[in-house]
Amino acid sequence: MKSAVFNPLAARELVEAVEYYDEARRGLGDEFLDEVERAIAFLDQYPEAAPKVGREARRLVLARFPYSLIYRHLDAGQIRILAIAHQKRRPRYWTRRH
């Protein structure tokens, strides 16, 4: 995840989701983290593949887990992860993140 820069709140969301899945079943948190890493690797190659959900933000839905990566593609070729958003909770809570 070298090219991904996490908003501190998104980093906390990632840790919380990994911990939640590990409590549900040992190793499931690692599987969630692997899914996020694969999504970021995909975005490294295709940063504009996901649809826009605002002026600059985009949403990539994870394939296996009910989460989306909310991100911005930065000019320097980096991906700024704004949120690791659960798809059934608090829609658009992340809109003020940078």
Protein backbone atom coordinates (compact mmCIF):
# COMPACT_ATOMS: atom_id res chain seq x y z
CA MET A 1 0.00 0.00 0.00
CA LYS A 2 2.90 2.35 -0.76
CA SER A 3 0.88 4.62 -3.02
CA ALA A 4 -2.06 4.85 -0.61
CA VAL A 5 -2.17 7.61 1.96
CA PHE A 6 -4.81 7.13 4.62
CA ASN A 7 -6.81 9.84 6.30
CA PRO A 8 -6.24 9.12 10.03
CA LEU A 9 -9.94 8.38 10.52
CA ALA A 10 -9.89 5.93 7.60
CA ALA A 11 -6.85 4.21 9.10
CA ARG A 12 -8.77 3.81 12.35
CA GLU A 13 -11.77 2.42 10.46
CA LEU A 14 -9.50 -0.14 8.82
CA VAL A 15 -8.07 -1.27 12.16
CA GLU A 16 -11.54 -1.48 13.71
CA ALA A 17 -12.88 -3.56 10.81
CA VAL A 18 -9.91 -5.94 10.96
CA GLU A 19 -10.41 -6.35 14.72
CA TYR A 20 -14.15 -6.93 14.29
CA TYR A 21 -13.62 -9.65 11.69
CA ASP A 22 -10.88 -11.28 13.77
CA GLU A 23 -13.29 -11.49 16.70
CA ALA A 24 -15.90 -13.07 14.44
CA ARG A 25 -13.45 -15.69 13.20
CA ARG A 26 -9.71 -15.94 13.60
CA GLY A 27 -7.98 -15.04 10.34
CA LEU A 28 -10.99 -13.28 8.84
CA GLY A 29 -9.47 -9.90 9.70
CA ASP A 30 -6.41 -10.80 7.65
CA GLU A 31 -8.67 -11.78 4.78
CA PHE A 32 -10.38 -8.40 5.00
CA LEU A 33 -7.01 -6.64 5.01
CA ASP A 34 -5.92 -8.69 1.97
CA GLU A 35 -9.09 -7.59 0.17
CA VAL A 36 -8.35 -3.93 0.94
CA GLU A 37 -4.76 -4.34 -0.27
CA ARG A 38 -5.96 -5.94 -3.53
CA ALA A 39 -8.40 -3.08 -4.04
CA ILE A 40 -5.64 -0.52 -3.53
CA ALA A 41 -3.35 -2.39 -5.94
CA PHE A 42 -6.17 -2.27 -8.49
CA LEU A 43 -6.56 1.47 -7.91
CA ASP A 44 -2.82 1.94 -8.39
CA GLN A 45 -3.28 0.72 -11.96
CA TYR A 46 -6.75 2.12 -12.61
CA PRO A 47 -7.26 5.12 -10.32
CA GLU A 48 -10.32 6.40 -12.15
CA ALA A 49 -12.08 3.03 -12.47
CA ALA A 50 -14.54 3.60 -9.63
CA PRO A 51 -17.51 5.95 -10.03
CA LYS A 52 -17.47 9.41 -8.53
CA VAL A 53 -19.53 10.06 -5.43
CA GLY A 54 -18.77 13.76 -5.21
CA ARG A 55 -16.66 16.33 -6.97
CA GLU A 56 -13.40 14.47 -6.33
CA ALA A 57 -14.20 11.38 -4.27
CA ARG A 58 -14.73 7.94 -5.75
CA ARG A 59 -16.16 4.73 -4.28
CA LEU A 60 -14.76 1.26 -4.93
CA VAL A 61 -16.97 -1.51 -3.55
CA LEU A 62 -15.07 -4.45 -2.10
CA ALA A 63 -15.96 -7.77 -3.68
CA ARG A 64 -16.24 -9.96 -0.60
CA PHE A 65 -16.99 -7.67 2.34
CA PRO A 66 -19.78 -5.07 2.76
CA TYR A 67 -17.34 -2.15 2.66
CA SER A 68 -16.31 0.48 0.16
CA LEU A 69 -13.07 2.37 -0.21
CA ILE A 70 -13.81 6.06 -0.52
CA TYR A 71 -10.79 7.72 -2.10
CA ARG A 72 -9.38 10.56 -4.13
CA HIS A 73 -6.78 10.23 -6.85
CA LEU A 74 -4.08 12.82 -6.13
CA ASP A 75 -1.97 14.57 -8.77
CA ALA A 76 1.21 12.89 -7.52
CA GLY A 77 -0.17 9.50 -8.54
CA GLN A 78 -1.15 8.66 -5.00
CA ILE A 79 -4.48 7.43 -3.72
CA ARG A 80 -5.85 9.21 -0.64
CA ILE A 81 -8.15 6.86 1.27
CA LEU A 82 -10.83 9.00 2.87
CA ALA A 83 -12.89 6.22 4.46
CA ILE A 84 -13.29 2.49 4.84
CA ALA A 85 -17.06 2.76 4.79
CA HIS A 86 -19.51 0.02 5.72
CA GLN A 87 -22.18 -0.04 3.04
CA LYS A 88 -25.12 -0.23 5.47
CA ARG A 89 -24.09 2.47 7.96
CA ARG A 90 -24.13 6.26 7.97
CA PRO A 91 -24.10 7.11 4.26
CA ARG A 92 -21.82 9.97 3.24
CA TYR A 93 -20.49 10.58 6.78
CA TRP A 94 -17.03 10.99 5.26
CA THR A 95 -17.87 13.97 2.99
CA ARG A 96 -15.81 16.49 4.99
CA ARG A 97 -12.63 14.42 5.00
CA HIS A 98 -9.59 15.40 2.96
